[in-house]
PDB file of N, CA and C in Angstrom:
ATOM      1  N   MET A   1     -42.952  14.078 -24.819  1.00  0.00           N
ATOM      2  CA  MET A   1     -41.560  13.745 -24.996  1.00  0.00           C
ATOM      3  C   MET A   1     -41.077  14.045 -26.414  1.00  0.00           C
ATOM      4  N   VAL A   2     -41.972  14.185 -27.346  1.00  0.00           N
ATOM      5  CA  VAL A   2     -41.595  14.517 -28.712  1.00  0.00           C
ATOM      6  C   VAL A   2     -40.982  15.907 -28.758  1.00  0.00           C
ATOM      7  N   LYS A   3     -41.503  16.811 -27.933  1.00  0.00           N
ATOM      8  CA  LYS A   3     -41.014  18.176 -27.910  1.00  0.00           C
ATOM      9  C   LYS A   3     -39.540  18.225 -27.510  1.00  0.00           C
ATOM     10  N   ASN A   4     -39.121  17.394 -26.540  1.00  0.00           N
ATOM     11  CA  ASN A   4     -37.729  17.372 -26.110  1.00  0.00           C
ATOM     12  C   ASN A   4     -36.800  16.954 -27.227  1.00  0.00           C
ATOM     13  N   SER A   5     -37.160  15.927 -27.979  1.00  0.00           N
ATOM     14  CA  SER A   5     -36.301  15.483 -29.064  1.00  0.00           C
ATOM     15  C   SER A   5     -36.220  16.544 -30.154  1.00  0.00           C
ATOM     16  N   PHE A   6     -37.310  17.271 -30.379  1.00  0.00           N
ATOM     17  CA  PHE A   6     -37.318  18.344 -31.372  1.00  0.00           C
ATOM     18  C   PHE A   6     -36.352  19.448 -30.970  1.00  0.00           C
ATOM     19  N   ILE A   7     -36.358  19.812 -29.698  1.00  0.00           N
ATOM     20  CA  ILE A   7     -35.465  20.862 -29.220  1.00  0.00           C
ATOM     21  C   ILE A   7     -34.018  20.407 -29.325  1.00  0.00           C
ATOM     22  N   SER A   8     -33.761  19.153 -29.023  1.00  0.00           N
ATOM     23  CA  SER A   8     -32.399  18.642 -29.111  1.00  0.00           C
ATOM     24  C   SER A   8     -31.872  18.712 -30.535  1.00  0.00           C
ATOM     25  N   VAL A   9     -32.725  18.446 -31.501  1.00  0.00           N
ATOM     26  CA  VAL A   9     -32.304  18.507 -32.901  1.00  0.00           C
ATOM     27  C   VAL A   9     -32.001  19.945 -33.300  1.00  0.00           C
ATOM     28  N   ILE A  10     -32.792  20.894 -32.830  1.00  0.00           N
ATOM     29  CA  ILE A  10     -32.595  22.299 -33.197  1.00  0.00           C
ATOM     30  C   ILE A  10     -31.237  22.806 -32.726  1.00  0.00           C
ATOM     31  N   LEU A  11     -30.899  22.524 -31.475  1.00  0.00           N
ATOM     32  CA  LEU A  11     -29.693  23.110 -30.900  1.00  0.00           C
ATOM     33  C   LEU A  11     -28.526  22.132 -30.801  1.00  0.00           C
ATOM     34  N   GLN A  12     -28.549  21.044 -31.543  1.00  0.00           N
ATOM     35  CA  GLN A  12     -27.479  20.052 -31.480  1.00  0.00           C
ATOM     36  C   GLN A  12     -26.150  20.662 -31.902  1.00  0.00           C
ATOM     37  N   ASP A  13     -26.173  21.525 -32.927  1.00  0.00           N
ATOM     38  CA  ASP A  13     -24.934  22.126 -33.411  1.00  0.00           C
ATOM     39  C   ASP A  13     -24.349  23.085 -32.396  1.00  0.00           C
ATOM     40  N   LYS A  14     -25.194  23.770 -31.663  1.00  0.00           N
ATOM     41  CA  LYS A  14     -24.721  24.775 -30.720  1.00  0.00           C
ATOM     42  C   LYS A  14     -24.153  24.150 -29.450  1.00  0.00           C
ATOM     43  N   LYS A  15     -24.466  22.885 -29.170  1.00  0.00           N
ATOM     44  CA  LYS A  15     -23.992  22.251 -27.940  1.00  0.00           C
ATOM     45  C   LYS A  15     -22.473  22.240 -27.871  1.00  0.00           C
ATOM     46  N   GLU A  16     -21.814  21.858 -28.951  1.00  0.00           N
ATOM     47  CA  GLU A  16     -20.373  21.757 -28.922  1.00  0.00           C
ATOM     48  C   GLU A  16     -19.704  23.130 -28.949  1.00  0.00           C
ATOM     49  N   GLU A  17     -20.380  24.113 -29.491  1.00  0.00           N
ATOM     50  CA  GLU A  17     -19.763  25.416 -29.687  1.00  0.00           C
ATOM     51  C   GLU A  17     -19.589  26.201 -28.397  1.00  0.00           C
ATOM     52  N   ASN A  18     -20.676  26.445 -27.667  1.00  0.00           N
ATOM     53  CA  ASN A  18     -20.618  27.417 -26.591  1.00  0.00           C
ATOM     54  C   ASN A  18     -21.500  26.972 -25.424  1.00  0.00           C
ATOM     55  N   LYS A  19     -20.960  26.153 -24.542  1.00  0.00           N
ATOM     56  CA  LYS A  19     -21.751  25.628 -23.442  1.00  0.00           C
ATOM     57  C   LYS A  19     -21.979  26.649 -22.338  1.00  0.00           C
ATOM     58  N   GLY A  20     -21.228  27.735 -22.322  1.00  0.00           N
ATOM     59  CA  GLY A  20     -21.380  28.734 -21.273  1.00  0.00           C
ATOM     60  C   GLY A  20     -22.323  29.858 -21.638  1.00  0.00           C
ATOM     61  N   SER A  21     -22.840  29.856 -22.841  1.00  0.00           N
ATOM     62  CA  SER A  21     -23.706  30.963 -23.263  1.00  0.00           C
ATOM     63  C   SER A  21     -25.034  30.912 -22.527  1.00  0.00           C
ATOM     64  N   VAL A  22     -25.659  32.046 -22.420  1.00  0.00           N
ATOM     65  CA  VAL A  22     -26.950  32.138 -21.734  1.00  0.00           C
ATOM     66  C   VAL A  22     -27.987  31.293 -22.459  1.00  0.00           C
ATOM     67  N   GLU A  23     -27.955  31.302 -23.774  1.00  0.00           N
ATOM     68  CA  GLU A  23     -28.925  30.540 -24.553  1.00  0.00           C
ATOM     69  C   GLU A  23     -28.812  29.045 -24.269  1.00  0.00           C
ATOM     70  N   PHE A  24     -27.575  28.540 -24.211  1.00  0.00           N
ATOM     71  CA  PHE A  24     -27.394  27.113 -23.940  1.00  0.00           C
ATOM     72  C   PHE A  24     -27.840  26.767 -22.520  1.00  0.00           C
ATOM     73  N   GLN A  25     -27.535  27.639 -21.567  1.00  0.00           N
ATOM     74  CA  GLN A  25     -27.943  27.383 -20.190  1.00  0.00           C
ATOM     75  C   GLN A  25     -29.459  27.340 -20.064  1.00  0.00           C
ATOM     76  N   VAL A  26     -30.153  28.264 -20.727  1.00  0.00           N
ATOM     77  CA  VAL A  26     -31.613  28.267 -20.700  1.00  0.00           C
ATOM     78  C   VAL A  26     -32.147  27.002 -21.359  1.00  0.00           C
ATOM     79  N   PHE A  27     -31.516  26.588 -22.454  1.00  0.00           N
ATOM     80  CA  PHE A  27     -31.908  25.363 -23.138  1.00  0.00           C
ATOM     81  C   PHE A  27     -31.766  24.146 -22.221  1.00  0.00           C
ATOM     82  N   SER A  28     -30.636  24.041 -21.525  1.00  0.00           N
ATOM     83  CA  SER A  28     -30.435  22.876 -20.654  1.00  0.00           C
ATOM     84  C   SER A  28     -31.364  22.924 -19.451  1.00  0.00           C
ATOM     85  N   PHE A  29     -31.617  24.116 -18.895  1.00  0.00           N
ATOM     86  CA  PHE A  29     -32.575  24.226 -17.787  1.00  0.00           C
ATOM     87  C   PHE A  29     -33.977  23.837 -18.246  1.00  0.00           C
ATOM     88  N   THR A  30     -34.347  24.203 -19.468  1.00  0.00           N
ATOM     89  CA  THR A  30     -35.667  23.858 -19.989  1.00  0.00           C
ATOM     90  C   THR A  30     -35.813  22.344 -20.130  1.00  0.00           C
ATOM     91  N   ASN A  31     -34.762  21.680 -20.606  1.00  0.00           N
ATOM     92  CA  ASN A  31     -34.816  20.218 -20.692  1.00  0.00           C
ATOM     93  C   ASN A  31     -34.946  19.587 -19.313  1.00  0.00           C
ATOM     94  N   LYS A  32     -34.206  20.115 -18.327  1.00  0.00           N
ATOM     95  CA  LYS A  32     -34.302  19.594 -16.961  1.00  0.00           C
ATOM     96  C   LYS A  32     -35.692  19.818 -16.390  1.00  0.00           C
ATOM     97  N   ILE A  33     -36.266  20.984 -16.675  1.00  0.00           N
ATOM     98  CA  ILE A  33     -37.607  21.310 -16.164  1.00  0.00           C
ATOM     99  C   ILE A  33     -38.631  20.353 -16.749  1.00  0.00           C
ATOM    100  N   ARG A  34     -38.547  20.091 -18.033  1.00  0.00           N
ATOM    101  CA  ARG A  34     -39.507  19.178 -18.664  1.00  0.00           C
ATOM    102  C   ARG A  34     -39.355  17.758 -18.139  1.00  0.00           C
ATOM    103  N   ARG A  35     -38.116  17.344 -17.911  1.00  0.00           N
ATOM    104  CA  ARG A  35     -37.879  16.001 -17.378  1.00  0.00           C
ATOM    105  C   ARG A  35     -38.418  15.892 -15.951  1.00  0.00           C
ATOM    106  N   LEU A  36     -38.154  16.906 -15.115  1.00  0.00           N
ATOM    107  CA  LEU A  36     -38.662  16.884 -13.742  1.00  0.00           C
ATOM    108  C   LEU A  36     -40.178  16.967 -13.700  1.00  0.00           C
ATOM    109  N   THR A  37     -40.775  17.726 -14.592  1.00  0.00           N
ATOM    110  CA  THR A  37     -42.234  17.841 -14.628  1.00  0.00           C
ATOM    111  C   THR A  37     -42.869  16.500 -14.954  1.00  0.00           C
ATOM    112  N   SER A  38     -42.302  15.787 -15.913  1.00  0.00           N
ATOM    113  CA  SER A  38     -42.868  14.479 -16.232  1.00  0.00           C
ATOM    114  C   SER A  38     -42.648  13.502 -15.082  1.00  0.00           C
ATOM    115  N   HIS A  39     -41.535  13.633 -14.362  1.00  0.00           N
ATOM    116  CA  HIS A  39     -41.290  12.782 -13.189  1.00  0.00           C
ATOM    117  C   HIS A  39     -42.311  13.079 -12.088  1.00  0.00           C
ATOM    118  N   LEU A  40     -42.603  14.364 -11.889  1.00  0.00           N
ATOM    119  CA  LEU A  40     -43.520  14.744 -10.810  1.00  0.00           C
ATOM    120  C   LEU A  40     -44.964  14.396 -11.126  1.00  0.00           C
ATOM    121  N   GLU A  41     -45.301  14.199 -12.397  1.00  0.00           N
ATOM    122  CA  GLU A  41     -46.643  13.735 -12.723  1.00  0.00           C
ATOM    123  C   GLU A  41     -46.871  12.326 -12.198  1.00  0.00           C
ATOM    124  N   LEU A  42     -45.814  11.520 -12.185  1.00  0.00           N
ATOM    125  CA  LEU A  42     -45.920  10.150 -11.663  1.00  0.00           C
ATOM    126  C   LEU A  42     -45.753  10.097 -10.143  1.00  0.00           C
ATOM    127  N   HIS A  43     -44.839  10.915  -9.624  1.00  0.00           N
ATOM    128  CA  HIS A  43     -44.496  10.879  -8.197  1.00  0.00           C
ATOM    129  C   HIS A  43     -44.890  12.208  -7.557  1.00  0.00           C
ATOM    130  N   LYS A  44     -46.139  12.337  -7.212  1.00  0.00           N
ATOM    131  CA  LYS A  44     -46.676  13.608  -6.730  1.00  0.00           C
ATOM    132  C   LYS A  44     -46.113  14.037  -5.376  1.00  0.00           C
ATOM    133  N   LYS A  45     -45.658  13.093  -4.557  1.00  0.00           N
ATOM    134  CA  LYS A  45     -45.186  13.430  -3.219  1.00  0.00           C
ATOM    135  C   LYS A  45     -43.660  13.505  -3.119  1.00  0.00           C
ATOM    136  N   ASP A  46     -42.995  13.623  -4.225  1.00  0.00           N
ATOM    137  CA  ASP A  46     -41.540  13.748  -4.237  1.00  0.00           C
ATOM    138  C   ASP A  46     -41.191  15.218  -4.012  1.00  0.00           C
ATOM    139  N   PHE A  47     -41.119  15.591  -2.753  1.00  0.00           N
ATOM    140  CA  PHE A  47     -40.966  17.001  -2.415  1.00  0.00           C
ATOM    141  C   PHE A  47     -39.560  17.530  -2.702  1.00  0.00           C
ATOM    142  N   LEU A  48     -38.555  16.675  -2.646  1.00  0.00           N
ATOM    143  CA  LEU A  48     -37.203  17.129  -2.972  1.00  0.00           C
ATOM    144  C   LEU A  48     -37.095  17.482  -4.454  1.00  0.00           C
ATOM    145  N   SER A  49     -37.735  16.711  -5.294  1.00  0.00           N
ATOM    146  CA  SER A  49     -37.731  17.038  -6.723  1.00  0.00           C
ATOM    147  C   SER A  49     -38.529  18.306  -6.992  1.00  0.00           C
ATOM    148  N   GLN A  50     -39.599  18.528  -6.217  1.00  0.00           N
ATOM    149  CA  GLN A  50     -40.370  19.776  -6.366  1.00  0.00           C
ATOM    150  C   GLN A  50     -39.504  20.973  -6.016  1.00  0.00           C
ATOM    151  N   ARG A  51     -38.702  20.834  -4.967  1.00  0.00           N
ATOM    152  CA  ARG A  51     -37.813  21.924  -4.561  1.00  0.00           C
ATOM    153  C   ARG A  51     -36.762  22.177  -5.637  1.00  0.00           C
ATOM    154  N   GLY A  52     -36.195  21.109  -6.176  1.00  0.00           N
ATOM    155  CA  GLY A  52     -35.218  21.254  -7.249  1.00  0.00           C
ATOM    156  C   GLY A  52     -35.811  21.906  -8.478  1.00  0.00           C
ATOM    157  N   LEU A  53     -37.059  21.555  -8.779  1.00  0.00           N
ATOM    158  CA  LEU A  53     -37.743  22.161  -9.921  1.00  0.00           C
ATOM    159  C   LEU A  53     -37.925  23.660  -9.713  1.00  0.00           C
ATOM    160  N   ARG A  54     -38.321  24.038  -8.508  1.00  0.00           N
ATOM    161  CA  ARG A  54     -38.493  25.473  -8.223  1.00  0.00           C
ATOM    162  C   ARG A  54     -37.179  26.233  -8.324  1.00  0.00           C
ATOM    163  N   LYS A  55     -36.079  25.611  -7.876  1.00  0.00           N
ATOM    164  CA  LYS A  55     -34.774  26.260  -7.974  1.00  0.00           C
ATOM    165  C   LYS A  55     -34.363  26.450  -9.427  1.00  0.00           C
ATOM    166  N   ILE A  56     -34.566  25.419 -10.242  1.00  0.00           N
ATOM    167  CA  ILE A  56     -34.197  25.511 -11.657  1.00  0.00           C
ATOM    168  C   ILE A  56     -35.073  26.534 -12.373  1.00  0.00           C
ATOM    169  N   LEU A  57     -36.364  26.594 -12.021  1.00  0.00           N
ATOM    170  CA  LEU A  57     -37.255  27.593 -12.621  1.00  0.00           C
ATOM    171  C   LEU A  57     -36.775  29.008 -12.302  1.00  0.00           C
ATOM    172  N   GLY A  58     -36.336  29.221 -11.075  1.00  0.00           N
ATOM    173  CA  GLY A  58     -35.825  30.534 -10.684  1.00  0.00           C
ATOM    174  C   GLY A  58     -34.561  30.906 -11.432  1.00  0.00           C
ATOM    175  N   LYS A  59     -33.662  29.943 -11.585  1.00  0.00           N
ATOM    176  CA  LYS A  59     -32.434  30.203 -12.328  1.00  0.00           C
ATOM    177  C   LYS A  59     -32.731  30.552 -13.773  1.00  0.00           C
ATOM    178  N   ARG A  60     -33.650  29.775 -14.385  1.00  0.00           N
ATOM    179  CA  ARG A  60     -34.000  30.046 -15.783  1.00  0.00           C
ATOM    180  C   ARG A  60     -34.672  31.403 -15.918  1.00  0.00           C
ATOM    181  N   GLN A  61     -35.507  31.755 -14.966  1.00  0.00           N
ATOM    182  CA  GLN A  61     -36.185  33.051 -15.018  1.00  0.00           C
ATOM    183  C   GLN A  61     -35.187  34.201 -14.916  1.00  0.00           C
ATOM    184  N   ARG A  62     -34.188  34.058 -14.047  1.00  0.00           N
ATOM    185  CA  ARG A  62     -33.170  35.107 -13.929  1.00  0.00           C
ATOM    186  C   ARG A  62     -32.337  35.215 -15.195  1.00  0.00           C
ATOM    187  N   LEU A  63     -31.977  34.070 -15.785  1.00  0.00           N
ATOM    188  CA  LEU A  63     -31.207  34.099 -17.029  1.00  0.00           C
ATOM    189  C   LEU A  63     -32.010  34.730 -18.167  1.00  0.00           C
ATOM    190  N   LEU A  64     -33.306  34.406 -18.235  1.00  0.00           N
ATOM    191  CA  LEU A  64     -34.137  34.999 -19.288  1.00  0.00           C
ATOM    192  C   LEU A  64     -34.304  36.499 -19.081  1.00  0.00           C
ATOM    193  N   ALA A  65     -34.395  36.952 -17.839  1.00  0.00           N
ATOM    194  CA  ALA A  65     -34.490  38.391 -17.571  1.00  0.00           C
ATOM    195  C   ALA A  65     -33.206  39.085 -18.006  1.00  0.00           C
ATOM    196  N   TYR A  66     -32.077  38.472 -17.728  1.00  0.00           N
ATOM    197  CA  TYR A  66     -30.792  39.026 -18.149  1.00  0.00           C
ATOM    198  C   TYR A  66     -30.711  39.101 -19.669  1.00  0.00           C
ATOM    199  N   LEU A  67     -31.106  38.013 -20.324  1.00  0.00           N
ATOM    200  CA  LEU A  67     -31.036  37.967 -21.786  1.00  0.00           C
ATOM    201  C   LEU A  67     -31.971  38.991 -22.422  1.00  0.00           C
ATOM    202  N   SER A  68     -33.154  39.183 -21.827  1.00  0.00           N
ATOM    203  CA  SER A  68     -34.092  40.150 -22.405  1.00  0.00           C
ATOM    204  C   SER A  68     -33.572  41.576 -22.283  1.00  0.00           C
ATOM    205  N   LYS A  69     -32.782  41.846 -21.247  1.00  0.00           N
ATOM    206  CA  LYS A  69     -32.201  43.187 -21.113  1.00  0.00           C
ATOM    207  C   LYS A  69     -31.039  43.392 -22.069  1.00  0.00           C
ATOM    208  N   LYS A  70     -30.214  42.355 -22.247  1.00  0.00           N
ATOM    209  CA  LYS A  70     -29.002  42.488 -23.046  1.00  0.00           C
ATOM    210  C   LYS A  70     -29.229  42.332 -24.541  1.00  0.00           C
ATOM    211  N   ASN A  71     -30.070  41.365 -24.919  1.00  0.00           N
ATOM    212  CA  ASN A  71     -30.241  41.076 -26.344  1.00  0.00           C
ATOM    213  C   ASN A  71     -31.678  40.638 -26.592  1.00  0.00           C
ATOM    214  N   ARG A  72     -32.537  41.584 -26.874  1.00  0.00           N
ATOM    215  CA  ARG A  72     -33.963  41.324 -26.997  1.00  0.00           C
ATOM    216  C   ARG A  72     -34.293  40.409 -28.179  1.00  0.00           C
ATOM    217  N   VAL A  73     -33.558  40.531 -29.279  1.00  0.00           N
ATOM    218  CA  VAL A  73     -33.819  39.715 -30.464  1.00  0.00           C
ATOM    219  C   VAL A  73     -33.509  38.245 -30.167  1.00  0.00           C
ATOM    220  N   SER A  74     -32.386  38.007 -29.531  1.00  0.00           N
ATOM    221  CA  SER A  74     -32.005  36.641 -29.173  1.00  0.00           C
ATOM    222  C   SER A  74     -32.992  36.059 -28.167  1.00  0.00           C
ATOM    223  N   TYR A  75     -33.470  36.890 -27.262  1.00  0.00           N
ATOM    224  CA  TYR A  75     -34.454  36.460 -26.270  1.00  0.00           C
ATOM    225  C   TYR A  75     -35.743  36.002 -26.938  1.00  0.00           C
ATOM    226  N   LYS A  76     -36.253  36.801 -27.861  1.00  0.00           N
ATOM    227  CA  LYS A  76     -37.492  36.446 -28.568  1.00  0.00           C
ATOM    228  C   LYS A  76     -37.318  35.165 -29.381  1.00  0.00           C
ATOM    229  N   LYS A  77     -36.158  35.024 -30.031  1.00  0.00           N
ATOM    230  CA  LYS A  77     -35.890  33.829 -30.829  1.00  0.00           C
ATOM    231  C   LYS A  77     -35.838  32.583 -29.949  1.00  0.00           C
ATOM    232  N   LEU A  78     -35.182  32.707 -28.795  1.00  0.00           N
ATOM    233  CA  LEU A  78     -35.068  31.572 -27.881  1.00  0.00           C
ATOM    234  C   LEU A  78     -36.414  31.189 -27.289  1.00  0.00           C
ATOM    235  N   ILE A  79     -37.219  32.173 -26.938  1.00  0.00           N
ATOM    236  CA  ILE A  79     -38.555  31.917 -26.388  1.00  0.00           C
ATOM    237  C   ILE A  79     -39.404  31.156 -27.407  1.00  0.00           C
ATOM    238  N   SER A  80     -39.331  31.565 -28.663  1.00  0.00           N
ATOM    239  CA  SER A  80     -40.139  30.887 -29.679  1.00  0.00           C
ATOM    240  C   SER A  80     -39.620  29.482 -29.974  1.00  0.00           C
ATOM    241  N   GLN A  81     -38.291  29.297 -29.962  1.00  0.00           N
ATOM    242  CA  GLN A  81     -37.720  27.975 -30.227  1.00  0.00           C
ATOM    243  C   GLN A  81     -38.076  26.981 -29.126  1.00  0.00           C
ATOM    244  N   LEU A  82     -37.987  27.420 -27.872  1.00  0.00           N
ATOM    245  CA  LEU A  82     -38.242  26.517 -26.755  1.00  0.00           C
ATOM    246  C   LEU A  82     -39.709  26.402 -26.413  1.00  0.00           C
ATOM    247  N   ASP A  83     -40.533  27.242 -27.018  1.00  0.00           N
ATOM    248  CA  ASP A  83     -41.977  27.216 -26.804  1.00  0.00           C
ATOM    249  C   ASP A  83     -42.317  27.402 -25.328  1.00  0.00           C
ATOM    250  N   ILE A  84     -41.759  28.488 -24.745  1.00  0.00           N
ATOM    251  CA  ILE A  84     -42.070  28.834 -23.357  1.00  0.00           C
ATOM    252  C   ILE A  84     -42.649  30.232 -23.340  1.00  0.00           C
ATOM    253  N   ARG A  85     -43.364  30.528 -22.261  1.00  0.00           N
ATOM    254  CA  ARG A  85     -44.003  31.827 -22.169  1.00  0.00           C
ATOM    255  C   ARG A  85     -43.008  32.933 -21.884  1.00  0.00           C
ATOM    256  N   GLU A  86     -43.353  34.126 -22.292  1.00  0.00           N
ATOM    257  CA  GLU A  86     -42.491  35.275 -22.044  1.00  0.00           C
ATOM    258  C   GLU A  86     -42.598  35.690 -20.596  1.00  0.00           C
ATOM    259  N   SER A  87     -41.489  36.100 -20.039  1.00  0.00           N
ATOM    260  CA  SER A  87     -41.454  36.509 -18.639  1.00  0.00           C
ATOM    261  C   SER A  87     -42.196  37.821 -18.453  1.00  0.00           C
ATOM    262  N   LYS A  88     -42.874  37.971 -17.318  1.00  0.00           N
ATOM    263  CA  LYS A  88     -43.596  39.201 -17.045  1.00  0.00           C
ATOM    264  C   LYS A  88     -42.673  40.332 -16.625  1.00  0.00           C
ATOM    265  N   MET A  89     -41.444  39.999 -16.237  1.00  0.00           N
ATOM    266  CA  MET A  89     -40.478  41.009 -15.808  1.00  0.00           C
ATOM    267  C   MET A  89     -40.015  41.869 -16.962  1.00  0.00           C
ATOM    268  N   SER A  90     -39.988  41.317 -18.161  1.00  0.00           N
ATOM    269  CA  SER A  90     -39.404  42.037 -19.297  1.00  0.00           C
ATOM    270  C   SER A  90     -40.320  43.020 -19.932  1.00  0.00           C
TER     271      SER A  90
END
């Protein structure tokens, strides 16, 4: 949970500026993914949350693929800030 608060501090300034940007959307999906993952560690048979997690993972993967095609520098910076693995599609 320390990682989530760290990410929130990094992008706190950007929240008010541009909520529709790809970077912000990936950031919010990453927070949702981490929250759902910690929930699923406690509730292993919550299949609806598992489905929601898979949907959010797919959305984030598509957004990251788009970002890697359009702006590779921003993509690399975002990947390092959020501490997530690089997509194999790119």
